[in-house]
Amino acid sequence: MAQRQVTVESEVGLHARPAATFVQTAAAAPVDITVAKGGGQPVNAKSILAVLSLDVRQGDTVVIAAEGEGAEEIVDKLALIASAP
């Protein structure tokens, strides 16, 4: 299992284009991936509706977790997307 906490830097948070990129990247990975906002309940990172429901805004902290072969690599990729300005 791999897990990483990151601060969202995008002015729009994890909404619209950043959320779509995040979900598309997660969906392409053959592992189980979740994302949670600031210690809240984790949601499926492969679901655009679930990710948008978190209402992640600029400055919020999220925890990305994955389990399975290649988990560390996908967590690193998603952390880069989430923390991009």
PDB file of N, CA and C in Angstrom:
ATOM      1  N   MET A   1       0.849  -1.183   0.000  1.00  0.00           N
ATOM      2  CA  MET A   1       0.000   0.000   0.000  1.00  0.00           C
ATOM      3  C   MET A   1       0.892   1.243   0.000  1.00  0.00           C
ATOM      4  N   ALA A   2       0.472   2.229  -0.743  1.00  0.00           N
ATOM      5  CA  ALA A   2       1.182   3.507  -0.800  1.00  0.00           C
ATOM      6  C   ALA A   2       0.192   4.606  -0.454  1.00  0.00           C
ATOM      7  N   GLN A   3       0.693   5.621   0.239  1.00  0.00           N
ATOM      8  CA  GLN A   3      -0.172   6.725   0.644  1.00  0.00           C
ATOM      9  C   GLN A   3       0.647   8.005   0.675  1.00  0.00           C
ATOM     10  N   ARG A   4       0.002   9.094   0.289  1.00  0.00           N
ATOM     11  CA  ARG A   4       0.694  10.381   0.283  1.00  0.00           C
ATOM     12  C   ARG A   4      -0.300  11.498   0.570  1.00  0.00           C
ATOM     13  N   GLN A   5       0.124  12.446   1.381  1.00  0.00           N
ATOM     14  CA  GLN A   5      -0.688  13.619   1.690  1.00  0.00           C
ATOM     15  C   GLN A   5      -0.118  14.795   0.912  1.00  0.00           C
ATOM     16  N   VAL A   6      -0.995  15.526   0.215  1.00  0.00           N
ATOM     17  CA  VAL A   6      -0.554  16.678  -0.577  1.00  0.00           C
ATOM     18  C   VAL A   6      -1.516  17.849  -0.384  1.00  0.00           C
ATOM     19  N   THR A   7      -0.984  19.034  -0.606  1.00  0.00           N
ATOM     20  CA  THR A   7      -1.800  20.241  -0.580  1.00  0.00           C
ATOM     21  C   THR A   7      -2.147  20.615  -2.011  1.00  0.00           C
ATOM     22  N   VAL A   8      -3.418  20.862  -2.262  1.00  0.00           N
ATOM     23  CA  VAL A   8      -3.896  21.217  -3.601  1.00  0.00           C
ATOM     24  C   VAL A   8      -3.556  22.678  -3.861  1.00  0.00           C
ATOM     25  N   GLU A   9      -2.836  22.928  -4.955  1.00  0.00           N
ATOM     26  CA  GLU A   9      -2.368  24.277  -5.269  1.00  0.00           C
ATOM     27  C   GLU A   9      -3.163  24.971  -6.366  1.00  0.00           C
ATOM     28  N   SER A  10      -3.899  24.223  -7.168  1.00  0.00           N
ATOM     29  CA  SER A  10      -4.656  24.806  -8.275  1.00  0.00           C
ATOM     30  C   SER A  10      -5.687  25.805  -7.765  1.00  0.00           C
ATOM     31  N   GLU A  11      -5.838  26.921  -8.460  1.00  0.00           N
ATOM     32  CA  GLU A  11      -6.816  27.941  -8.081  1.00  0.00           C
ATOM     33  C   GLU A  11      -8.234  27.399  -8.075  1.00  0.00           C
ATOM     34  N   VAL A  12      -8.506  26.378  -8.879  1.00  0.00           N
ATOM     35  CA  VAL A  12      -9.851  25.803  -8.933  1.00  0.00           C
ATOM     36  C   VAL A  12      -9.971  24.533  -8.102  1.00  0.00           C
ATOM     37  N   GLY A  13      -8.933  24.199  -7.364  1.00  0.00           N
ATOM     38  CA  GLY A  13      -8.961  22.980  -6.553  1.00  0.00           C
ATOM     39  C   GLY A  13      -8.985  21.746  -7.434  1.00  0.00           C
ATOM     40  N   LEU A  14      -9.662  20.705  -6.965  1.00  0.00           N
ATOM     41  CA  LEU A  14      -9.821  19.494  -7.778  1.00  0.00           C
ATOM     42  C   LEU A  14     -11.203  19.527  -8.418  1.00  0.00           C
ATOM     43  N   HIS A  15     -11.411  20.497  -9.287  1.00  0.00           N
ATOM     44  CA  HIS A  15     -12.666  20.675 -10.010  1.00  0.00           C
ATOM     45  C   HIS A  15     -12.344  20.794 -11.489  1.00  0.00           C
ATOM     46  N   ALA A  16     -13.333  20.556 -12.306  1.00  0.00           N
ATOM     47  CA  ALA A  16     -13.213  20.720 -13.756  1.00  0.00           C
ATOM     48  C   ALA A  16     -12.021  19.964 -14.333  1.00  0.00           C
ATOM     49  N   ARG A  17     -11.162  20.680 -15.030  1.00  0.00           N
ATOM     50  CA  ARG A  17     -10.052  20.042 -15.745  1.00  0.00           C
ATOM     51  C   ARG A  17      -9.087  19.283 -14.820  1.00  0.00           C
ATOM     52  N   PRO A  18      -8.648  19.865 -13.684  1.00  0.00           N
ATOM     53  CA  PRO A  18      -7.744  19.092 -12.814  1.00  0.00           C
ATOM     54  C   PRO A  18      -8.383  17.792 -12.309  1.00  0.00           C
ATOM     55  N   ALA A  19      -9.665  17.832 -11.992  1.00  0.00           N
ATOM     56  CA  ALA A  19     -10.355  16.626 -11.524  1.00  0.00           C
ATOM     57  C   ALA A  19     -10.440  15.591 -12.640  1.00  0.00           C
ATOM     58  N   ALA A  20     -10.730  16.028 -13.853  1.00  0.00           N
ATOM     59  CA  ALA A  20     -10.813  15.104 -14.980  1.00  0.00           C
ATOM     60  C   ALA A  20      -9.466  14.433 -15.238  1.00  0.00           C
ATOM     61  N   THR A  21      -8.399  15.200 -15.199  1.00  0.00           N
ATOM     62  CA  THR A  21      -7.057  14.644 -15.396  1.00  0.00           C
ATOM     63  C   THR A  21      -6.727  13.661 -14.278  1.00  0.00           C
ATOM     64  N   PHE A  22      -7.055  14.025 -13.051  1.00  0.00           N
ATOM     65  CA  PHE A  22      -6.812  13.176 -11.886  1.00  0.00           C
ATOM     66  C   PHE A  22      -7.537  11.837 -12.050  1.00  0.00           C
ATOM     67  N   VAL A  23      -8.822  11.886 -12.378  1.00  0.00           N
ATOM     68  CA  VAL A  23      -9.636  10.675 -12.508  1.00  0.00           C
ATOM     69  C   VAL A  23      -9.186   9.827 -13.696  1.00  0.00           C
ATOM     70  N   GLN A  24      -8.873  10.442 -14.825  1.00  0.00           N
ATOM     71  CA  GLN A  24      -8.408   9.686 -15.990  1.00  0.00           C
ATOM     72  C   GLN A  24      -7.105   8.961 -15.688  1.00  0.00           C
ATOM     73  N   THR A  25      -6.211   9.616 -14.980  1.00  0.00           N
ATOM     74  CA  THR A  25      -4.942   8.991 -14.611  1.00  0.00           C
ATOM     75  C   THR A  25      -5.190   7.835 -13.651  1.00  0.00           C
ATOM     76  N   ALA A  26      -6.058   8.043 -12.679  1.00  0.00           N
ATOM     77  CA  ALA A  26      -6.388   6.980 -11.723  1.00  0.00           C
ATOM     78  C   ALA A  26      -7.049   5.795 -12.422  1.00  0.00           C
ATOM     79  N   ALA A  27      -7.978   6.086 -13.321  1.00  0.00           N
ATOM     80  CA  ALA A  27      -8.718   5.027 -14.004  1.00  0.00           C
ATOM     81  C   ALA A  27      -7.831   4.150 -14.875  1.00  0.00           C
ATOM     82  N   ALA A  28      -6.734   4.687 -15.342  1.00  0.00           N
ATOM     83  CA  ALA A  28      -5.817   3.922 -16.198  1.00  0.00           C
ATOM     84  C   ALA A  28      -4.937   2.960 -15.405  1.00  0.00           C
ATOM     85  N   ALA A  29      -4.926   3.095 -14.101  1.00  0.00           N
ATOM     86  CA  ALA A  29      -4.066   2.259 -13.258  1.00  0.00           C
ATOM     87  C   ALA A  29      -4.817   1.001 -12.804  1.00  0.00           C
ATOM     88  N   PRO A  30      -4.139  -0.147 -12.831  1.00  0.00           N
ATOM     89  CA  PRO A  30      -4.793  -1.406 -12.444  1.00  0.00           C
ATOM     90  C   PRO A  30      -4.728  -1.673 -10.934  1.00  0.00           C
ATOM     91  N   VAL A  31      -4.927  -0.629 -10.132  1.00  0.00           N
ATOM     92  CA  VAL A  31      -4.889  -0.766  -8.677  1.00  0.00           C
ATOM     93  C   VAL A  31      -6.092  -0.041  -8.070  1.00  0.00           C
ATOM     94  N   ASP A  32      -6.409  -0.357  -6.833  1.00  0.00           N
ATOM     95  CA  ASP A  32      -7.471   0.342  -6.119  1.00  0.00           C
ATOM     96  C   ASP A  32      -6.907   1.647  -5.578  1.00  0.00           C
ATOM     97  N   ILE A  33      -7.596   2.747  -5.836  1.00  0.00           N
ATOM     98  CA  ILE A  33      -7.108   4.066  -5.436  1.00  0.00           C
ATOM     99  C   ILE A  33      -8.241   4.843  -4.774  1.00  0.00           C
ATOM    100  N   THR A  34      -7.903   5.494  -3.651  1.00  0.00           N
ATOM    101  CA  THR A  34      -8.868   6.365  -2.989  1.00  0.00           C
ATOM    102  C   THR A  34      -8.239   7.729  -2.759  1.00  0.00           C
ATOM    103  N   VAL A  35      -9.101   8.708  -2.550  1.00  0.00           N
ATOM    104  CA  VAL A  35      -8.651  10.054  -2.197  1.00  0.00           C
ATOM    105  C   VAL A  35      -9.598  10.563  -1.112  1.00  0.00           C
ATOM    106  N   ALA A  36      -9.022  11.230  -0.127  1.00  0.00           N
ATOM    107  CA  ALA A  36      -9.811  11.779   0.968  1.00  0.00           C
ATOM    108  C   ALA A  36      -9.385  13.219   1.209  1.00  0.00           C
ATOM    109  N   LYS A  37     -10.324  14.030   1.604  1.00  0.00           N
ATOM    110  CA  LYS A  37     -10.037  15.440   1.910  1.00  0.00           C
ATOM    111  C   LYS A  37      -9.838  15.589   3.412  1.00  0.00           C
ATOM    112  N   GLY A  38      -8.675  16.101   3.789  1.00  0.00           N
ATOM    113  CA  GLY A  38      -8.392  16.466   5.173  1.00  0.00           C
ATOM    114  C   GLY A  38      -8.849  15.500   6.241  1.00  0.00           C
ATOM    115  N   GLY A  39      -8.567  14.232   6.092  1.00  0.00           N
ATOM    116  CA  GLY A  39      -8.919  13.257   7.116  1.00  0.00           C
ATOM    117  C   GLY A  39     -10.346  12.748   7.035  1.00  0.00           C
ATOM    118  N   GLY A  40     -11.077  13.153   5.999  1.00  0.00           N
ATOM    119  CA  GLY A  40     -12.449  12.682   5.818  1.00  0.00           C
ATOM    120  C   GLY A  40     -12.498  11.273   5.253  1.00  0.00           C
ATOM    121  N   GLN A  41     -13.683  10.847   4.918  1.00  0.00           N
ATOM    122  CA  GLN A  41     -13.881   9.514   4.351  1.00  0.00           C
ATOM    123  C   GLN A  41     -13.289   9.443   2.944  1.00  0.00           C
ATOM    124  N   PRO A  42     -12.535   8.392   2.646  1.00  0.00           N
ATOM    125  CA  PRO A  42     -11.988   8.246   1.302  1.00  0.00           C
ATOM    126  C   PRO A  42     -13.063   7.873   0.290  1.00  0.00           C
ATOM    127  N   VAL A  43     -12.864   8.339  -0.945  1.00  0.00           N
ATOM    128  CA  VAL A  43     -13.765   8.003  -2.052  1.00  0.00           C
ATOM    129  C   VAL A  43     -12.950   7.379  -3.174  1.00  0.00           C
ATOM    130  N   ASN A  44     -13.644   6.741  -4.083  1.00  0.00           N
ATOM    131  CA  ASN A  44     -13.014   6.116  -5.233  1.00  0.00           C
ATOM    132  C   ASN A  44     -12.405   7.186  -6.145  1.00  0.00           C
ATOM    133  N   ALA A  45     -11.088   7.146  -6.311  1.00  0.00           N
ATOM    134  CA  ALA A  45     -10.393   8.145  -7.131  1.00  0.00           C
ATOM    135  C   ALA A  45     -10.638   7.956  -8.623  1.00  0.00           C
ATOM    136  N   LYS A  46     -11.304   6.876  -8.996  1.00  0.00           N
ATOM    137  CA  LYS A  46     -11.593   6.617 -10.409  1.00  0.00           C
ATOM    138  C   LYS A  46     -12.982   7.113 -10.812  1.00  0.00           C
ATOM    139  N   SER A  47     -13.684   7.730  -9.874  1.00  0.00           N
ATOM    140  CA  SER A  47     -15.041   8.228 -10.124  1.00  0.00           C
ATOM    141  C   SER A  47     -15.045   9.753 -10.096  1.00  0.00           C
ATOM    142  N   ILE A  48     -15.374  10.372 -11.212  1.00  0.00           N
ATOM    143  CA  ILE A  48     -15.395  11.829 -11.290  1.00  0.00           C
ATOM    144  C   ILE A  48     -16.418  12.408 -10.306  1.00  0.00           C
ATOM    145  N   LEU A  49     -17.571  11.771 -10.178  1.00  0.00           N
ATOM    146  CA  LEU A  49     -18.581  12.282  -9.250  1.00  0.00           C
ATOM    147  C   LEU A  49     -18.111  12.192  -7.807  1.00  0.00           C
ATOM    148  N   ALA A  50     -17.425  11.112  -7.467  1.00  0.00           N
ATOM    149  CA  ALA A  50     -16.912  10.956  -6.101  1.00  0.00           C
ATOM    150  C   ALA A  50     -15.847  12.002  -5.797  1.00  0.00           C
ATOM    151  N   VAL A  51     -14.938  12.227  -6.739  1.00  0.00           N
ATOM    152  CA  VAL A  51     -13.869  13.208  -6.541  1.00  0.00           C
ATOM    153  C   VAL A  51     -14.464  14.610  -6.434  1.00  0.00           C
ATOM    154  N   LEU A  52     -15.391  14.949  -7.300  1.00  0.00           N
ATOM    155  CA  LEU A  52     -16.019  16.272  -7.247  1.00  0.00           C
ATOM    156  C   LEU A  52     -16.809  16.472  -5.953  1.00  0.00           C
ATOM    157  N   SER A  53     -17.384  15.379  -5.422  1.00  0.00           N
ATOM    158  CA  SER A  53     -18.175  15.488  -4.192  1.00  0.00           C
ATOM    159  C   SER A  53     -17.329  15.893  -2.980  1.00  0.00           C
ATOM    160  N   LEU A  54     -16.022  15.726  -3.069  1.00  0.00           N
ATOM    161  CA  LEU A  54     -15.137  16.118  -1.972  1.00  0.00           C
ATOM    162  C   LEU A  54     -15.042  17.636  -1.828  1.00  0.00           C
ATOM    163  N   ASP A  55     -15.355  18.357  -2.899  1.00  0.00           N
ATOM    164  CA  ASP A  55     -15.301  19.822  -2.911  1.00  0.00           C
ATOM    165  C   ASP A  55     -13.923  20.325  -2.458  1.00  0.00           C
ATOM    166  N   VAL A  56     -12.884  19.783  -3.085  1.00  0.00           N
ATOM    167  CA  VAL A  56     -11.509  20.151  -2.740  1.00  0.00           C
ATOM    168  C   VAL A  56     -11.175  21.496  -3.370  1.00  0.00           C
ATOM    169  N   ARG A  57     -10.720  22.416  -2.531  1.00  0.00           N
ATOM    170  CA  ARG A  57     -10.379  23.770  -2.975  1.00  0.00           C
ATOM    171  C   ARG A  57      -8.897  24.040  -2.787  1.00  0.00           C
ATOM    172  N   GLN A  58      -8.426  25.112  -3.389  1.00  0.00           N
ATOM    173  CA  GLN A  58      -7.030  25.493  -3.258  1.00  0.00           C
ATOM    174  C   GLN A  58      -6.660  25.603  -1.777  1.00  0.00           C
ATOM    175  N   GLY A  59      -5.544  24.978  -1.408  1.00  0.00           N
ATOM    176  CA  GLY A  59      -5.076  25.008  -0.033  1.00  0.00           C
ATOM    177  C   GLY A  59      -5.532  23.833   0.812  1.00  0.00           C
ATOM    178  N   ASP A  60      -6.530  23.087   0.326  1.00  0.00           N
ATOM    179  CA  ASP A  60      -6.976  21.895   1.050  1.00  0.00           C
ATOM    180  C   ASP A  60      -5.926  20.793   0.949  1.00  0.00           C
ATOM    181  N   THR A  61      -5.913  19.928   1.942  1.00  0.00           N
ATOM    182  CA  THR A  61      -5.021  18.777   1.952  1.00  0.00           C
ATOM    183  C   THR A  61      -5.819  17.533   1.597  1.00  0.00           C
ATOM    184  N   VAL A  62      -5.255  16.703   0.735  1.00  0.00           N
ATOM    185  CA  VAL A  62      -5.878  15.433   0.395  1.00  0.00           C
ATOM    186  C   VAL A  62      -4.893  14.302   0.667  1.00  0.00           C
ATOM    187  N   VAL A  63      -5.452  13.131   0.934  1.00  0.00           N
ATOM    188  CA  VAL A  63      -4.651  11.928   1.120  1.00  0.00           C
ATOM    189  C   VAL A  63      -5.014  10.976  -0.011  1.00  0.00           C
ATOM    190  N   ILE A  64      -4.001  10.611  -0.774  1.00  0.00           N
ATOM    191  CA  ILE A  64      -4.176   9.687  -1.896  1.00  0.00           C
ATOM    192  C   ILE A  64      -3.585   8.360  -1.467  1.00  0.00           C
ATOM    193  N   ALA A  65      -4.347   7.287  -1.631  1.00  0.00           N
ATOM    194  CA  ALA A  65      -3.881   5.956  -1.238  1.00  0.00           C
ATOM    195  C   ALA A  65      -4.179   4.959  -2.345  1.00  0.00           C
ATOM    196  N   ALA A  66      -3.259   4.020  -2.530  1.00  0.00           N
ATOM    197  CA  ALA A  66      -3.442   2.978  -3.539  1.00  0.00           C
ATOM    198  C   ALA A  66      -2.908   1.665  -3.000  1.00  0.00           C
ATOM    199  N   GLU A  67      -3.518   0.596  -3.468  1.00  0.00           N
ATOM    200  CA  GLU A  67      -3.096  -0.728  -3.043  1.00  0.00           C
ATOM    201  C   GLU A  67      -2.995  -1.631  -4.259  1.00  0.00           C
ATOM    202  N   GLY A  68      -1.874  -2.314  -4.369  1.00  0.00           N
ATOM    203  CA  GLY A  68      -1.643  -3.220  -5.483  1.00  0.00           C
ATOM    204  C   GLY A  68      -0.299  -2.945  -6.120  1.00  0.00           C
ATOM    205  N   GLU A  69       0.022  -3.752  -7.102  1.00  0.00           N
ATOM    206  CA  GLU A  69       1.303  -3.597  -7.800  1.00  0.00           C
ATOM    207  C   GLU A  69       1.327  -2.272  -8.553  1.00  0.00           C
ATOM    208  N   GLY A  70       2.356  -1.479  -8.326  1.00  0.00           N
ATOM    209  CA  GLY A  70       2.470  -0.170  -8.959  1.00  0.00           C
ATOM    210  C   GLY A  70       1.817   0.942  -8.162  1.00  0.00           C
ATOM    211  N   ALA A  71       1.432   0.649  -6.919  1.00  0.00           N
ATOM    212  CA  ALA A  71       0.727   1.636  -6.092  1.00  0.00           C
ATOM    213  C   ALA A  71       1.552   2.893  -5.858  1.00  0.00           C
ATOM    214  N   GLU A  72       2.825   2.740  -5.548  1.00  0.00           N
ATOM    215  CA  GLU A  72       3.658   3.916  -5.275  1.00  0.00           C
ATOM    216  C   GLU A  72       3.769   4.823  -6.489  1.00  0.00           C
ATOM    217  N   GLU A  73       3.912   4.226  -7.661  1.00  0.00           N
ATOM    218  CA  GLU A  73       4.048   5.007  -8.894  1.00  0.00           C
ATOM    219  C   GLU A  73       2.783   5.827  -9.175  1.00  0.00           C
ATOM    220  N   ILE A  74       1.618   5.208  -9.038  1.00  0.00           N
ATOM    221  CA  ILE A  74       0.386   5.937  -9.341  1.00  0.00           C
ATOM    222  C   ILE A  74       0.103   6.998  -8.281  1.00  0.00           C
ATOM    223  N   VAL A  75       0.422   6.727  -7.030  1.00  0.00           N
ATOM    224  CA  VAL A  75       0.233   7.732  -5.985  1.00  0.00           C
ATOM    225  C   VAL A  75       1.113   8.947  -6.271  1.00  0.00           C
ATOM    226  N   ASP A  76       2.347   8.704  -6.702  1.00  0.00           N
ATOM    227  CA  ASP A  76       3.241   9.815  -7.058  1.00  0.00           C
ATOM    228  C   ASP A  76       2.675  10.636  -8.217  1.00  0.00           C
ATOM    229  N   LYS A  77       2.150   9.962  -9.253  1.00  0.00           N
ATOM    230  CA  LYS A  77       1.574  10.671 -10.402  1.00  0.00           C
ATOM    231  C   LYS A  77       0.372  11.519  -9.983  1.00  0.00           C
ATOM    232  N   LEU A  78      -0.505  10.923  -9.173  1.00  0.00           N
ATOM    233  CA  LEU A  78      -1.692  11.649  -8.749  1.00  0.00           C
ATOM    234  C   LEU A  78      -1.347  12.801  -7.807  1.00  0.00           C
ATOM    235  N   ALA A  79      -0.328  12.621  -6.994  1.00  0.00           N
ATOM    236  CA  ALA A  79       0.113  13.696  -6.102  1.00  0.00           C
ATOM    237  C   ALA A  79       0.616  14.891  -6.922  1.00  0.00           C
ATOM    238  N   LEU A  80       1.321  14.622  -8.015  1.00  0.00           N
ATOM    239  CA  LEU A  80       1.782  15.703  -8.889  1.00  0.00           C
ATOM    240  C   LEU A  80       0.605  16.455  -9.509  1.00  0.00           C
ATOM    241  N   ILE A  81      -0.399  15.731  -9.921  1.00  0.00           N
ATOM    242  CA  ILE A  81      -1.580  16.367 -10.525  1.00  0.00           C
ATOM    243  C   ILE A  81      -2.295  17.216  -9.461  1.00  0.00           C
ATOM    244  N   ALA A  82      -2.482  16.650  -8.277  1.00  0.00           N
ATOM    245  CA  ALA A  82      -3.222  17.349  -7.223  1.00  0.00           C
ATOM    246  C   ALA A  82      -2.475  18.587  -6.731  1.00  0.00           C
ATOM    247  N   SER A  83      -1.154  18.542  -6.746  1.00  0.00           N
ATOM    248  CA  SER A  83      -0.380  19.668  -6.204  1.00  0.00           C
ATOM    249  C   SER A  83       0.068  20.680  -7.260  1.00  0.00           C
ATOM    250  N   ALA A  84      -0.303  20.443  -8.516  1.00  0.00           N
ATOM    251  CA  ALA A  84       0.080  21.366  -9.580  1.00  0.00           C
ATOM    252  C   ALA A  84      -0.675  22.688  -9.434  1.00  0.00           C
ATOM    253  N   PRO A  85       0.028  23.807  -9.619  1.00  0.00           N
ATOM    254  CA  PRO A  85      -0.650  25.122  -9.524  1.00  0.00           C
ATOM    255  C   PRO A  85      -1.578  25.382 -10.704  1.00  0.00           C
TER     256      PRO A  85
END
